[in-house]
Amino acid sequence: MLALNQKTIAWAVITISAALLLVLIFTKTGVDKEGEFLCKAVADSPDLEMEDCPAHNDQLSWLLVVAFGIAFIMLAAGAYLYFVPITKAGAAPAKKVDISKFDDDEKKIYEILKAHDGSVYQSDLIKETEFSKVKITRVLDKMETKGIVDRQRRGMTNIVVLK
């Protein structure tokens, strides 16, 4: 099965909008030629006034303007998708952490957090590390002051999140 990624979708949107723009350009050229022909025919006729020209009472030009606007918006959206990476909702870009400066307890907690996609309940950390509640609290306090983790209250426990 074909996996669609952001750049593939961007190219598809850009291609469709470019094709739409080409079709609109040819349509606009044909409408302008038709309008010019009708205006000449009305101008050559002694019985008709220029206000009677059907090209002047046509709403097609406004529809073409709207269609051009939509095509340009699609083109801009495709360019945006191509050049601007989209991150997951709520996920901040991961910052570089130098784990060589961590002590063994901090490294252990950091690795557990990384293995759980950056967040884990504090009670689960106690179970996985087999540290006491006091030791986990002290290590997390130290990591929080360094700006590595953040604790958020969830009911009767905390959830620990990598910053």
N, C-alpha and C. Protein backbone atom coordinates (compact mmCIF):
# COMPACT_ATOMS: atom_id res chain seq x y z
N MET A 1 0.84 -1.18 0.00
CA MET A 1 0.00 0.00 0.00
C MET A 1 0.88 1.24 0.00
N LEU A 2 0.45 2.25 -0.71
CA LEU A 2 1.20 3.48 -0.82
C LEU A 2 1.08 4.30 0.45
N ALA A 3 2.20 4.62 1.06
CA ALA A 3 2.19 5.43 2.28
C ALA A 3 2.27 6.90 1.87
N LEU A 4 1.29 7.66 2.30
CA LEU A 4 1.27 9.09 1.97
C LEU A 4 1.96 9.87 3.07
N ASN A 5 2.97 10.59 2.70
CA ASN A 5 3.60 11.47 3.67
C ASN A 5 3.30 12.92 3.29
N GLN A 6 3.78 13.81 4.09
CA GLN A 6 3.45 15.22 3.92
C GLN A 6 3.93 15.77 2.58
N LYS A 7 5.13 15.41 2.16
CA LYS A 7 5.66 15.95 0.90
C LYS A 7 4.90 15.39 -0.31
N THR A 8 4.47 14.14 -0.24
CA THR A 8 3.69 13.55 -1.34
C THR A 8 2.35 14.27 -1.47
N ILE A 9 1.71 14.52 -0.35
CA ILE A 9 0.44 15.25 -0.37
C ILE A 9 0.66 16.66 -0.90
N ALA A 10 1.76 17.29 -0.48
CA ALA A 10 2.06 18.65 -0.94
C ALA A 10 2.22 18.68 -2.45
N TRP A 11 2.97 17.72 -3.00
CA TRP A 11 3.15 17.67 -4.45
C TRP A 11 1.83 17.43 -5.17
N ALA A 12 0.97 16.60 -4.60
CA ALA A 12 -0.33 16.35 -5.22
C ALA A 12 -1.16 17.63 -5.24
N VAL A 13 -1.18 18.36 -4.14
CA VAL A 13 -1.95 19.61 -4.07
C VAL A 13 -1.38 20.63 -5.04
N ILE A 14 -0.06 20.74 -5.11
CA ILE A 14 0.58 21.70 -6.04
C ILE A 14 0.26 21.32 -7.48
N THR A 15 0.32 20.05 -7.82
CA THR A 15 0.04 19.60 -9.18
C THR A 15 -1.40 19.87 -9.57
N ILE A 16 -2.32 19.55 -8.67
CA ILE A 16 -3.75 19.80 -8.95
C ILE A 16 -4.01 21.29 -9.12
N SER A 17 -3.42 22.11 -8.25
CA SER A 17 -3.66 23.55 -8.36
C SER A 17 -3.03 24.12 -9.63
N ALA A 18 -1.87 23.61 -10.04
CA ALA A 18 -1.25 24.08 -11.29
C ALA A 18 -2.11 23.68 -12.49
N ALA A 19 -2.64 22.47 -12.48
CA ALA A 19 -3.53 22.03 -13.57
C ALA A 19 -4.79 22.88 -13.59
N LEU A 20 -5.34 23.16 -12.43
CA LEU A 20 -6.54 24.02 -12.33
C LEU A 20 -6.24 25.42 -12.87
N LEU A 21 -5.07 25.95 -12.53
CA LEU A 21 -4.70 27.27 -13.03
C LEU A 21 -4.59 27.27 -14.56
N LEU A 22 -4.01 26.22 -15.14
CA LEU A 22 -3.91 26.15 -16.61
C LEU A 22 -5.29 26.10 -17.25
N VAL A 23 -6.18 25.29 -16.71
CA VAL A 23 -7.54 25.20 -17.24
C VAL A 23 -8.23 26.56 -17.13
N LEU A 24 -8.05 27.23 -16.01
CA LEU A 24 -8.69 28.54 -15.82
C LEU A 24 -8.13 29.59 -16.77
N ILE A 25 -6.83 29.52 -17.03
CA ILE A 25 -6.23 30.48 -17.97
C ILE A 25 -6.81 30.29 -19.37
N PHE A 26 -6.93 29.03 -19.82
CA PHE A 26 -7.51 28.77 -21.14
C PHE A 26 -8.99 29.18 -21.18
N THR A 27 -9.71 28.91 -20.09
CA THR A 27 -11.12 29.29 -20.03
C THR A 27 -11.28 30.80 -20.07
N LYS A 28 -10.45 31.50 -19.29
CA LYS A 28 -10.51 32.97 -19.25
C LYS A 28 -10.19 33.56 -20.62
N THR A 29 -9.21 33.00 -21.30
CA THR A 29 -8.86 33.48 -22.64
C THR A 29 -10.03 33.30 -23.61
N GLY A 30 -10.69 32.14 -23.55
CA GLY A 30 -11.85 31.89 -24.41
C GLY A 30 -13.01 32.82 -24.09
N VAL A 31 -13.27 33.06 -22.81
CA VAL A 31 -14.36 33.96 -22.41
C VAL A 31 -14.06 35.38 -22.87
N ASP A 32 -12.80 35.79 -22.75
CA ASP A 32 -12.45 37.15 -23.20
C ASP A 32 -12.61 37.31 -24.70
N LYS A 33 -12.23 36.30 -25.48
CA LYS A 33 -12.39 36.36 -26.94
C LYS A 33 -13.88 36.40 -27.31
N GLU A 34 -14.67 35.59 -26.60
CA GLU A 34 -16.12 35.58 -26.86
C GLU A 34 -16.74 36.93 -26.51
N GLY A 35 -16.32 37.50 -25.39
CA GLY A 35 -16.83 38.81 -24.99
C GLY A 35 -16.44 39.90 -25.97
N GLU A 36 -15.22 39.84 -26.45
CA GLU A 36 -14.76 40.82 -27.44
C GLU A 36 -15.57 40.71 -28.72
N PHE A 37 -15.83 39.48 -29.16
CA PHE A 37 -16.63 39.26 -30.36
C PHE A 37 -18.05 39.81 -30.18
N LEU A 38 -18.66 39.53 -29.02
CA LEU A 38 -20.02 40.01 -28.77
C LEU A 38 -20.06 41.54 -28.71
N CYS A 39 -19.08 42.14 -28.07
CA CYS A 39 -19.05 43.60 -27.99
C CYS A 39 -18.88 44.24 -29.36
N LYS A 40 -18.06 43.63 -30.21
CA LYS A 40 -17.90 44.14 -31.57
C LYS A 40 -19.21 44.02 -32.34
N ALA A 41 -19.89 42.89 -32.19
CA ALA A 41 -21.17 42.68 -32.88
C ALA A 41 -22.20 43.70 -32.42
N VAL A 42 -22.24 43.99 -31.13
CA VAL A 42 -23.19 44.98 -30.60
C VAL A 42 -22.81 46.38 -31.08
N ALA A 43 -21.52 46.68 -31.10
CA ALA A 43 -21.07 48.00 -31.54
C ALA A 43 -21.37 48.22 -33.02
N ASP A 44 -21.31 47.17 -33.82
CA ASP A 44 -21.56 47.29 -35.26
C ASP A 44 -23.06 47.35 -35.58
N SER A 45 -23.89 46.93 -34.65
CA SER A 45 -25.33 46.92 -34.89
C SER A 45 -25.93 48.27 -34.51
N PRO A 46 -26.67 48.90 -35.44
CA PRO A 46 -27.24 50.22 -35.14
C PRO A 46 -28.44 50.12 -34.18
N ASP A 47 -29.03 48.95 -34.04
CA ASP A 47 -30.22 48.80 -33.21
C ASP A 47 -29.91 48.58 -31.73
N LEU A 48 -28.69 48.18 -31.40
CA LEU A 48 -28.35 47.81 -30.03
C LEU A 48 -27.44 48.84 -29.38
N GLU A 49 -27.64 49.00 -28.06
CA GLU A 49 -26.76 49.86 -27.26
C GLU A 49 -25.72 48.95 -26.58
N MET A 50 -24.64 49.54 -26.11
CA MET A 50 -23.58 48.76 -25.47
C MET A 50 -24.08 48.09 -24.19
N GLU A 51 -25.09 48.67 -23.52
CA GLU A 51 -25.65 48.04 -22.31
C GLU A 51 -26.36 46.73 -22.64
N ASP A 52 -26.73 46.53 -23.91
CA ASP A 52 -27.40 45.30 -24.32
C ASP A 52 -26.43 44.16 -24.60
N CYS A 53 -25.16 44.43 -24.55
CA CYS A 53 -24.15 43.39 -24.83
C CYS A 53 -24.22 42.31 -23.75
N PRO A 54 -24.39 41.05 -24.15
CA PRO A 54 -24.48 39.97 -23.17
C PRO A 54 -23.19 39.75 -22.38
N ALA A 55 -22.06 40.15 -22.94
CA ALA A 55 -20.79 39.98 -22.23
C ALA A 55 -20.72 40.88 -20.99
N HIS A 56 -21.45 42.01 -21.01
CA HIS A 56 -21.41 42.94 -19.87
C HIS A 56 -22.36 42.52 -18.76
N ASN A 57 -23.29 41.66 -19.06
CA ASN A 57 -24.27 41.21 -18.06
C ASN A 57 -23.96 39.80 -17.55
N ASP A 58 -22.83 39.27 -17.90
CA ASP A 58 -22.47 37.89 -17.56
C ASP A 58 -21.78 37.85 -16.19
N GLN A 59 -22.13 36.86 -15.38
CA GLN A 59 -21.52 36.68 -14.05
C GLN A 59 -20.34 35.72 -14.09
N LEU A 60 -20.00 35.22 -15.28
CA LEU A 60 -18.93 34.24 -15.41
C LEU A 60 -17.58 34.81 -14.97
N SER A 61 -17.37 36.09 -15.19
CA SER A 61 -16.08 36.67 -14.82
C SER A 61 -15.86 36.61 -13.31
N TRP A 62 -16.94 36.80 -12.53
CA TRP A 62 -16.81 36.71 -11.07
C TRP A 62 -16.53 35.28 -10.63
N LEU A 63 -17.16 34.33 -11.30
CA LEU A 63 -16.89 32.92 -10.98
C LEU A 63 -15.44 32.55 -11.29
N LEU A 64 -14.93 33.09 -12.38
CA LEU A 64 -13.53 32.83 -12.73
C LEU A 64 -12.58 33.45 -11.70
N VAL A 65 -12.90 34.64 -11.21
CA VAL A 65 -12.07 35.27 -10.19
C VAL A 65 -12.05 34.41 -8.93
N VAL A 66 -13.20 33.90 -8.52
CA VAL A 66 -13.28 33.03 -7.34
C VAL A 66 -12.48 31.75 -7.59
N ALA A 67 -12.60 31.17 -8.78
CA ALA A 67 -11.87 29.94 -9.09
C ALA A 67 -10.36 30.17 -9.08
N PHE A 68 -9.92 31.33 -9.62
CA PHE A 68 -8.49 31.67 -9.56
C PHE A 68 -8.04 31.81 -8.10
N GLY A 69 -8.85 32.43 -7.28
CA GLY A 69 -8.53 32.58 -5.86
C GLY A 69 -8.37 31.24 -5.17
N ILE A 70 -9.30 30.32 -5.44
CA ILE A 70 -9.22 28.99 -4.85
C ILE A 70 -7.96 28.26 -5.33
N ALA A 71 -7.64 28.39 -6.60
CA ALA A 71 -6.45 27.73 -7.14
C ALA A 71 -5.18 28.28 -6.49
N PHE A 72 -5.11 29.60 -6.28
CA PHE A 72 -3.93 30.18 -5.64
C PHE A 72 -3.84 29.79 -4.16
N ILE A 73 -4.98 29.68 -3.50
CA ILE A 73 -4.98 29.23 -2.10
C ILE A 73 -4.48 27.79 -2.02
N MET A 74 -4.93 26.96 -2.96
CA MET A 74 -4.45 25.56 -2.99
C MET A 74 -2.95 25.51 -3.25
N LEU A 75 -2.47 26.35 -4.15
CA LEU A 75 -1.04 26.39 -4.44
C LEU A 75 -0.25 26.81 -3.21
N ALA A 76 -0.74 27.82 -2.50
CA ALA A 76 -0.07 28.28 -1.27
C ALA A 76 -0.10 27.18 -0.20
N ALA A 77 -1.23 26.48 -0.08
CA ALA A 77 -1.33 25.40 0.91
C ALA A 77 -0.36 24.27 0.58
N GLY A 78 -0.22 23.95 -0.69
CA GLY A 78 0.74 22.92 -1.09
C GLY A 78 2.17 23.33 -0.79
N ALA A 79 2.50 24.59 -1.07
CA ALA A 79 3.84 25.09 -0.75
C ALA A 79 4.08 25.07 0.75
N TYR A 80 3.06 25.44 1.53
CA TYR A 80 3.18 25.42 2.98
C TYR A 80 3.43 23.99 3.48
N LEU A 81 2.66 23.04 2.96
CA LEU A 81 2.84 21.64 3.36
C LEU A 81 4.24 21.13 2.99
N TYR A 82 4.74 21.59 1.86
CA TYR A 82 6.05 21.11 1.41
C TYR A 82 7.18 21.66 2.27
N PHE A 83 7.11 22.96 2.60
CA PHE A 83 8.24 23.61 3.26
C PHE A 83 8.16 23.66 4.78
N VAL A 84 6.98 23.52 5.36
CA VAL A 84 6.84 23.63 6.82
C VAL A 84 6.50 22.26 7.39
N PRO A 85 7.38 21.70 8.22
CA PRO A 85 7.08 20.40 8.80
C PRO A 85 5.97 20.50 9.84
N ILE A 86 5.11 19.50 9.86
CA ILE A 86 4.01 19.48 10.82
C ILE A 86 4.40 18.51 11.94
N THR A 87 4.32 19.00 13.19
CA THR A 87 4.63 18.15 14.33
C THR A 87 3.33 17.62 14.91
N LYS A 88 3.43 16.58 15.71
CA LYS A 88 2.25 16.02 16.34
C LYS A 88 1.67 17.03 17.31
N ALA A 89 0.33 16.99 17.46
CA ALA A 89 -0.34 17.92 18.35
C ALA A 89 0.16 17.71 19.78
N GLY A 90 0.53 18.81 20.41
CA GLY A 90 0.97 18.75 21.80
C GLY A 90 2.41 18.31 21.96
N ALA A 91 3.04 17.89 20.89
CA ALA A 91 4.42 17.43 20.99
C ALA A 91 5.37 18.56 20.65
N ALA A 92 6.19 18.90 21.58
CA ALA A 92 7.20 19.93 21.34
C ALA A 92 8.41 19.26 20.72
N PRO A 93 9.16 20.00 19.91
CA PRO A 93 10.36 19.39 19.35
C PRO A 93 11.31 18.97 20.47
N ALA A 94 11.85 17.78 20.35
CA ALA A 94 12.72 17.26 21.40
C ALA A 94 13.99 18.09 21.50
N LYS A 95 14.31 18.47 22.72
CA LYS A 95 15.54 19.23 22.89
C LYS A 95 16.67 18.27 23.22
N LYS A 96 17.88 18.67 22.90
CA LYS A 96 19.04 17.83 23.12
C LYS A 96 19.37 17.83 24.60
N VAL A 97 19.56 16.63 25.14
CA VAL A 97 19.89 16.48 26.55
C VAL A 97 21.21 15.73 26.63
N ASP A 98 22.14 16.29 27.40
CA ASP A 98 23.44 15.66 27.60
C ASP A 98 23.34 14.73 28.80
N ILE A 99 23.16 13.44 28.53
CA ILE A 99 22.96 12.49 29.64
C ILE A 99 24.27 12.10 30.30
N SER A 100 25.39 12.55 29.74
CA SER A 100 26.68 12.24 30.37
C SER A 100 26.83 12.94 31.72
N LYS A 101 26.07 14.01 31.93
CA LYS A 101 26.14 14.76 33.19
C LYS A 101 25.16 14.22 34.23
N PHE A 102 24.35 13.23 33.86
CA PHE A 102 23.39 12.64 34.80
C PHE A 102 24.09 11.64 35.70
N ASP A 103 23.56 11.48 36.91
CA ASP A 103 24.02 10.37 37.74
C ASP A 103 23.24 9.13 37.32
N ASP A 104 23.56 7.98 37.92
CA ASP A 104 22.96 6.71 37.49
C ASP A 104 21.44 6.70 37.67
N ASP A 105 20.95 7.28 38.76
CA ASP A 105 19.51 7.30 39.01
C ASP A 105 18.77 8.14 37.96
N GLU A 106 19.35 9.30 37.63
CA GLU A 106 18.74 10.16 36.62
C GLU A 106 18.74 9.48 35.25
N LYS A 107 19.84 8.81 34.92
CA LYS A 107 19.92 8.09 33.64
C LYS A 107 18.84 7.02 33.55
N LYS A 108 18.65 6.29 34.65
CA LYS A 108 17.67 5.21 34.66
C LYS A 108 16.26 5.77 34.43
N ILE A 109 15.93 6.86 35.11
CA ILE A 109 14.60 7.47 34.96
C ILE A 109 14.45 8.06 33.56
N TYR A 110 15.50 8.69 33.06
CA TYR A 110 15.45 9.27 31.72
C TYR A 110 15.21 8.19 30.66
N GLU A 111 15.90 7.07 30.77
CA GLU A 111 15.72 5.98 29.80
C GLU A 111 14.31 5.40 29.86
N ILE A 112 13.75 5.29 31.07
CA ILE A 112 12.37 4.79 31.20
C ILE A 112 11.40 5.76 30.53
N LEU A 113 11.62 7.06 30.75
CA LEU A 113 10.75 8.06 30.12
C LEU A 113 10.85 7.99 28.60
N LYS A 114 12.07 7.86 28.07
CA LYS A 114 12.25 7.75 26.62
C LYS A 114 11.55 6.50 26.08
N ALA A 115 11.63 5.39 26.83
CA ALA A 115 11.01 4.15 26.38
C ALA A 115 9.48 4.24 26.38
N HIS A 116 8.93 5.14 27.19
CA HIS A 116 7.47 5.31 27.26
C HIS A 116 7.01 6.56 26.50
N ASP A 117 7.72 6.93 25.45
CA ASP A 117 7.37 8.08 24.60
C ASP A 117 7.32 9.40 25.36
N GLY A 118 8.14 9.54 26.39
CA GLY A 118 8.30 10.83 27.05
C GLY A 118 7.39 11.11 28.22
N SER A 119 6.51 10.19 28.59
CA SER A 119 5.67 10.43 29.76
C SER A 119 5.31 9.12 30.43
N VAL A 120 5.29 9.17 31.76
CA VAL A 120 4.95 7.99 32.54
C VAL A 120 4.45 8.46 33.91
N TYR A 121 3.57 7.69 34.52
CA TYR A 121 3.10 8.02 35.86
C TYR A 121 4.22 7.82 36.86
N GLN A 122 4.26 8.68 37.87
CA GLN A 122 5.30 8.60 38.89
C GLN A 122 5.21 7.25 39.62
N SER A 123 4.01 6.75 39.83
CA SER A 123 3.84 5.46 40.50
C SER A 123 4.43 4.32 39.65
N ASP A 124 4.35 4.45 38.32
CA ASP A 124 4.95 3.44 37.45
C ASP A 124 6.48 3.51 37.49
N LEU A 125 7.01 4.73 37.66
CA LEU A 125 8.47 4.87 37.82
C LEU A 125 8.94 4.15 39.08
N ILE A 126 8.17 4.27 40.14
CA ILE A 126 8.52 3.59 41.40
C ILE A 126 8.56 2.08 41.19
N LYS A 127 7.58 1.55 40.46
CA LYS A 127 7.54 0.12 40.21
C LYS A 127 8.70 -0.34 39.33
N GLU A 128 8.99 0.42 38.27
CA GLU A 128 10.01 0.00 37.32
C GLU A 128 11.43 0.15 37.87
N THR A 129 11.67 1.20 38.64
CA THR A 129 13.02 1.43 39.16
C THR A 129 13.26 0.71 40.48
N GLU A 130 12.17 0.37 41.18
CA GLU A 130 12.23 -0.22 42.51
C GLU A 130 12.88 0.73 43.51
N PHE A 131 12.83 2.07 43.21
CA PHE A 131 13.28 3.08 44.16
C PHE A 131 12.13 3.36 45.12
N SER A 132 12.47 3.93 46.26
CA SER A 132 11.42 4.33 47.21
C SER A 132 10.74 5.59 46.69
N LYS A 133 9.58 5.90 47.26
CA LYS A 133 8.85 7.10 46.86
C LYS A 133 9.68 8.35 47.12
N VAL A 134 10.36 8.36 48.23
CA VAL A 134 11.19 9.52 48.60
C VAL A 134 12.33 9.70 47.61
N LYS A 135 12.99 8.59 47.25
CA LYS A 135 14.13 8.68 46.32
C LYS A 135 13.66 9.16 44.94
N ILE A 136 12.53 8.61 44.45
CA ILE A 136 11.98 9.06 43.16
C ILE A 136 11.68 10.55 43.21
N THR A 137 11.06 10.99 44.31
CA THR A 137 10.71 12.41 44.45
C THR A 137 11.95 13.28 44.41
N ARG A 138 12.99 12.87 45.11
CA ARG A 138 14.24 13.66 45.15
C ARG A 138 14.91 13.72 43.78
N VAL A 139 14.96 12.57 43.10
CA VAL A 139 15.59 12.54 41.77
C VAL A 139 14.77 13.39 40.79
N LEU A 140 13.44 13.28 40.85
CA LEU A 140 12.60 14.07 39.95
C LEU A 140 12.69 15.56 40.26
N ASP A 141 12.82 15.90 41.55
CA ASP A 141 13.03 17.31 41.93
C ASP A 141 14.29 17.85 41.27
N LYS A 142 15.37 17.06 41.35
CA LYS A 142 16.64 17.48 40.77
C LYS A 142 16.52 17.62 39.24
N MET A 143 15.84 16.65 38.61
CA MET A 143 15.67 16.70 37.15
C MET A 143 14.76 17.86 36.73
N GLU A 144 13.80 18.16 37.56
CA GLU A 144 12.87 19.26 37.26
C GLU A 144 13.59 20.61 37.35
N THR A 145 14.48 20.77 38.32
CA THR A 145 15.22 22.04 38.43
C THR A 145 16.20 22.21 37.27
N LYS A 146 16.66 21.09 36.70
CA LYS A 146 17.55 21.16 35.53
C LYS A 146 16.76 21.41 34.24
N GLY A 147 15.42 21.35 34.32
CA GLY A 147 14.59 21.59 33.13
C GLY A 147 14.47 20.39 32.23
N ILE A 148 14.64 19.20 32.77
CA ILE A 148 14.59 17.98 31.96
C ILE A 148 13.18 17.39 31.95
N VAL A 149 12.52 17.41 33.11
CA VAL A 149 11.19 16.84 33.21
C VAL A 149 10.23 17.87 33.81
N ASP A 150 8.96 17.55 33.68
CA ASP A 150 7.91 18.35 34.28
C ASP A 150 6.91 17.38 34.89
N ARG A 151 6.46 17.69 36.11
CA ARG A 151 5.46 16.84 36.76
C ARG A 151 4.12 17.55 36.74
N GLN A 152 3.10 16.80 36.35
CA GLN A 152 1.73 17.35 36.30
C GLN A 152 0.84 16.46 37.13
N ARG A 153 0.05 17.10 37.96
CA ARG A 153 -0.83 16.37 38.87
C ARG A 153 -1.94 15.70 38.09
N ARG A 154 -2.16 14.40 38.31
CA ARG A 154 -3.24 13.63 37.70
C ARG A 154 -3.90 12.80 38.79
N GLY A 155 -4.97 13.30 39.34
CA GLY A 155 -5.68 12.58 40.40
C GLY A 155 -4.82 12.44 41.63
N MET A 156 -4.58 11.20 42.03
CA MET A 156 -3.80 10.92 43.23
C MET A 156 -2.32 10.71 42.93
N THR A 157 -1.91 10.87 41.69
CA THR A 157 -0.50 10.66 41.33
C THR A 157 -0.05 11.78 40.39
N ASN A 158 1.20 11.77 40.02
CA ASN A 158 1.76 12.72 39.06
C ASN A 158 2.10 11.98 37.77
N ILE A 159 2.03 12.70 36.68
CA ILE A 159 2.56 12.18 35.44
C ILE A 159 3.84 12.96 35.18
N VAL A 160 4.89 12.23 34.86
CA VAL A 160 6.20 12.84 34.63
C VAL A 160 6.40 12.90 33.11
N VAL A 161 6.71 14.11 32.61
CA VAL A 161 6.82 14.34 31.17
C VAL A 161 8.19 14.93 30.85
N LEU A 162 8.84 14.40 29.83
CA LEU A 162 10.09 14.99 29.35
C LEU A 162 9.80 16.33 28.71
N LYS A 163 10.63 17.31 28.98
CA LYS A 163 10.46 18.62 28.35
C LYS A 163 11.10 18.64 27.00
